[in-house]
Amino acid sequence: MWTREAIEALGPTMDVPTVASIFGVNKDTVYAQIRRGEWTATRVLTLGRKLKIPTRDLVSLLYAPEPAATPSRDEAEHHCASGPYIPSSEAMTSHTQCGCRVGESAVIRPLRGA
């Protein structure tokens, strides 16, 4: 089983058999996808007759960071930089504690022509 640390220890690039091993497929499958232009998982570097896969691409694919949580309505409306976000349920009525005002600039509108 390949770990992130083991993959990163391979250096800046790796060969196709190593990539196939990481994915748990036959190397001929990966070579065939690259040859047909169907390999979209990572970039493929051609160095003479050798094919190399950037390690960073593979690590990014396999260990992508968790998507950021979508802010709640209160968080989206609270845009001042004067301090940490305090939810309205905790006595933050109309941002009176921080002094900011939600105004025209806080309204999100669709782009024209979209």
C-alpha atoms as a PDB file:
ATOM      1  CA  MET A   1       0.000   0.000   0.000  1.00  0.00           C
ATOM      2  CA  TRP A   2       1.398   3.372  -1.007  1.00  0.00           C
ATOM      3  CA  THR A   3       1.355   6.179   1.540  1.00  0.00           C
ATOM      4  CA  ARG A   4       1.677   9.871   0.818  1.00  0.00           C
ATOM      5  CA  GLU A   5       5.140   9.889   2.380  1.00  0.00           C
ATOM      6  CA  ALA A   6       6.282   6.953   0.226  1.00  0.00           C
ATOM      7  CA  ILE A   7       5.034   8.662  -2.940  1.00  0.00           C
ATOM      8  CA  GLU A   8       6.668  11.989  -2.059  1.00  0.00           C
ATOM      9  CA  ALA A   9       9.952  10.157  -1.329  1.00  0.00           C
ATOM     10  CA  LEU A  10      10.116   9.034  -4.987  1.00  0.00           C
ATOM     11  CA  GLY A  11      11.470  12.420  -6.034  1.00  0.00           C
ATOM     12  CA  PRO A  12      10.135  15.023  -8.457  1.00  0.00           C
ATOM     13  CA  THR A  13       9.001  12.506 -11.105  1.00  0.00           C
ATOM     14  CA  MET A  14       8.212   8.819 -11.381  1.00  0.00           C
ATOM     15  CA  ASP A  15       7.972   6.302 -14.183  1.00  0.00           C
ATOM     16  CA  VAL A  16       4.809   4.735 -15.556  1.00  0.00           C
ATOM     17  CA  PRO A  17       5.248   1.315 -13.860  1.00  0.00           C
ATOM     18  CA  THR A  18       5.422   3.075 -10.484  1.00  0.00           C
ATOM     19  CA  VAL A  19       2.266   5.090 -11.244  1.00  0.00           C
ATOM     20  CA  ALA A  20       0.512   1.880 -12.281  1.00  0.00           C
ATOM     21  CA  SER A  21       1.559   0.256  -9.014  1.00  0.00           C
ATOM     22  CA  ILE A  22       0.186   3.194  -7.012  1.00  0.00           C
ATOM     23  CA  PHE A  23      -3.149   2.972  -8.834  1.00  0.00           C
ATOM     24  CA  GLY A  24      -3.166  -0.822  -8.638  1.00  0.00           C
ATOM     25  CA  VAL A  25      -3.424  -1.377 -12.393  1.00  0.00           C
ATOM     26  CA  ASN A  26      -1.240  -2.956 -15.039  1.00  0.00           C
ATOM     27  CA  LYS A  27       1.447  -0.679 -16.478  1.00  0.00           C
ATOM     28  CA  ASP A  28       0.244  -1.501 -20.004  1.00  0.00           C
ATOM     29  CA  THR A  29      -3.116   0.057 -19.130  1.00  0.00           C
ATOM     30  CA  VAL A  30      -1.460   3.354 -18.210  1.00  0.00           C
ATOM     31  CA  TYR A  31       0.836   3.273 -21.270  1.00  0.00           C
ATOM     32  CA  ALA A  32      -2.185   2.639 -23.525  1.00  0.00           C
ATOM     33  CA  GLN A  33      -4.153   5.529 -22.023  1.00  0.00           C
ATOM     34  CA  ILE A  34      -1.210   7.881 -22.465  1.00  0.00           C
ATOM     35  CA  ARG A  35      -0.682   6.730 -26.069  1.00  0.00           C
ATOM     36  CA  ARG A  36      -4.387   7.272 -26.907  1.00  0.00           C
ATOM     37  CA  GLY A  37      -4.447  10.675 -25.177  1.00  0.00           C
ATOM     38  CA  GLU A  38      -6.937   9.428 -22.571  1.00  0.00           C
ATOM     39  CA  TRP A  39      -4.673   9.890 -19.519  1.00  0.00           C
ATOM     40  CA  THR A  40      -6.056  12.918 -17.703  1.00  0.00           C
ATOM     41  CA  ALA A  41      -5.083  12.108 -14.121  1.00  0.00           C
ATOM     42  CA  THR A  42      -1.731  13.927 -14.289  1.00  0.00           C
ATOM     43  CA  ARG A  43       0.611  15.636 -16.694  1.00  0.00           C
ATOM     44  CA  VAL A  44       2.892  13.387 -18.712  1.00  0.00           C
ATOM     45  CA  LEU A  45       6.441  14.560 -19.375  1.00  0.00           C
ATOM     46  CA  THR A  46       8.155  13.101 -22.422  1.00  0.00           C
ATOM     47  CA  LEU A  47      11.914  12.999 -22.026  1.00  0.00           C
ATOM     48  CA  GLY A  48      13.248  11.376 -25.183  1.00  0.00           C
ATOM     49  CA  ARG A  49      11.625   7.956 -25.191  1.00  0.00           C
ATOM     50  CA  LYS A  50      10.942   8.023 -21.464  1.00  0.00           C
ATOM     51  CA  LEU A  51       7.635   9.047 -19.954  1.00  0.00           C
ATOM     52  CA  LYS A  52       7.681  10.664 -16.531  1.00  0.00           C
ATOM     53  CA  ILE A  53       4.821  11.621 -14.248  1.00  0.00           C
ATOM     54  CA  PRO A  54       5.281  14.592 -11.872  1.00  0.00           C
ATOM     55  CA  THR A  55       5.021  13.378  -8.289  1.00  0.00           C
ATOM     56  CA  ARG A  56       3.315  16.604  -7.227  1.00  0.00           C
ATOM     57  CA  ASP A  57       0.478  15.976  -9.704  1.00  0.00           C
ATOM     58  CA  LEU A  58      -0.162  12.520  -8.312  1.00  0.00           C
ATOM     59  CA  VAL A  59      -0.014  13.666  -4.687  1.00  0.00           C
ATOM     60  CA  SER A  60      -2.451  16.508  -5.477  1.00  0.00           C
ATOM     61  CA  LEU A  61      -4.819  14.077  -7.150  1.00  0.00           C
ATOM     62  CA  LEU A  62      -4.757  11.468  -4.405  1.00  0.00           C
ATOM     63  CA  TYR A  63      -4.506  13.728  -1.375  1.00  0.00           C
ATOM     64  CA  ALA A  64      -6.471  16.827  -2.350  1.00  0.00           C
ATOM     65  CA  PRO A  65      -7.353  19.055   0.604  1.00  0.00           C
ATOM     66  CA  GLU A  66     -10.876  18.890   1.916  1.00  0.00           C
ATOM     67  CA  PRO A  67     -13.117  21.500   0.270  1.00  0.00           C
ATOM     68  CA  ALA A  68     -13.658  24.566   2.410  1.00  0.00           C
ATOM     69  CA  ALA A  69     -16.979  24.684   4.194  1.00  0.00           C
ATOM     70  CA  THR A  70     -19.532  27.036   2.724  1.00  0.00           C
ATOM     71  CA  PRO A  71     -20.059  29.928   5.141  1.00  0.00           C
ATOM     72  CA  SER A  72     -23.415  30.206   6.821  1.00  0.00           C
ATOM     73  CA  ARG A  73     -25.643  33.167   6.035  1.00  0.00           C
ATOM     74  CA  ASP A  74     -24.433  34.986   9.161  1.00  0.00           C
ATOM     75  CA  GLU A  75     -20.800  34.409   8.228  1.00  0.00           C
ATOM     76  CA  ALA A  76     -21.383  35.575   4.666  1.00  0.00           C
ATOM     77  CA  GLU A  77     -23.076  38.755   5.881  1.00  0.00           C
ATOM     78  CA  HIS A  78     -20.402  39.499   8.467  1.00  0.00           C
ATOM     79  CA  HIS A  79     -17.561  41.042   6.512  1.00  0.00           C
ATOM     80  CA  CYS A  80     -15.805  43.356   8.938  1.00  0.00           C
ATOM     81  CA  ALA A  81     -12.154  42.891   9.773  1.00  0.00           C
ATOM     82  CA  SER A  82     -12.406  44.278  13.293  1.00  0.00           C
ATOM     83  CA  GLY A  83     -12.558  40.918  14.995  1.00  0.00           C
ATOM     84  CA  PRO A  84     -13.613  37.290  14.900  1.00  0.00           C
ATOM     85  CA  TYR A  85     -16.991  36.246  13.616  1.00  0.00           C
ATOM     86  CA  ILE A  86     -19.669  36.114  16.316  1.00  0.00           C
ATOM     87  CA  PRO A  87     -22.938  34.483  15.195  1.00  0.00           C
ATOM     88  CA  SER A  88     -26.123  36.555  15.412  1.00  0.00           C
ATOM     89  CA  SER A  89     -27.585  33.932  17.717  1.00  0.00           C
ATOM     90  CA  GLU A  90     -25.013  35.132  20.240  1.00  0.00           C
ATOM     91  CA  ALA A  91     -26.221  38.736  20.540  1.00  0.00           C
ATOM     92  CA  MET A  92     -24.854  39.952  17.206  1.00  0.00           C
ATOM     93  CA  THR A  93     -27.941  41.785  16.049  1.00  0.00           C
ATOM     94  CA  SER A  94     -27.164  43.937  12.998  1.00  0.00           C
ATOM     95  CA  HIS A  95     -23.454  43.808  13.740  1.00  0.00           C
ATOM     96  CA  THR A  96     -23.821  46.281  16.613  1.00  0.00           C
ATOM     97  CA  GLN A  97     -20.942  44.761  18.541  1.00  0.00           C
ATOM     98  CA  CYS A  98     -18.400  45.202  15.768  1.00  0.00           C
ATOM     99  CA  GLY A  99     -19.765  48.418  14.304  1.00  0.00           C
ATOM    100  CA  CYS A 100     -19.879  47.283  10.687  1.00  0.00           C
ATOM    101  CA  ARG A 101     -22.913  47.644   8.466  1.00  0.00           C
ATOM    102  CA  VAL A 102     -24.124  45.302   5.820  1.00  0.00           C
ATOM    103  CA  GLY A 103     -24.755  47.589   2.925  1.00  0.00           C
ATOM    104  CA  GLU A 104     -25.003  47.685  -0.811  1.00  0.00           C
ATOM    105  CA  SER A 105     -21.479  46.293  -1.216  1.00  0.00           C
ATOM    106  CA  ALA A 106     -22.400  43.081   0.602  1.00  0.00           C
ATOM    107  CA  VAL A 107     -25.095  42.165  -1.933  1.00  0.00           C
ATOM    108  CA  ILE A 108     -24.065  39.518  -4.460  1.00  0.00           C
ATOM    109  CA  ARG A 109     -25.511  40.042  -7.915  1.00  0.00           C
ATOM    110  CA  PRO A 110     -25.142  37.934 -11.048  1.00  0.00           C
ATOM    111  CA  LEU A 111     -22.825  39.196 -13.770  1.00  0.00           C
ATOM    112  CA  ARG A 112     -24.422  41.195 -16.557  1.00  0.00           C
ATOM    113  CA  GLY A 113     -25.275  39.107 -19.553  1.00  0.00           C
ATOM    114  CA  ALA A 114     -24.935  35.884 -17.602  1.00  0.00           C
END
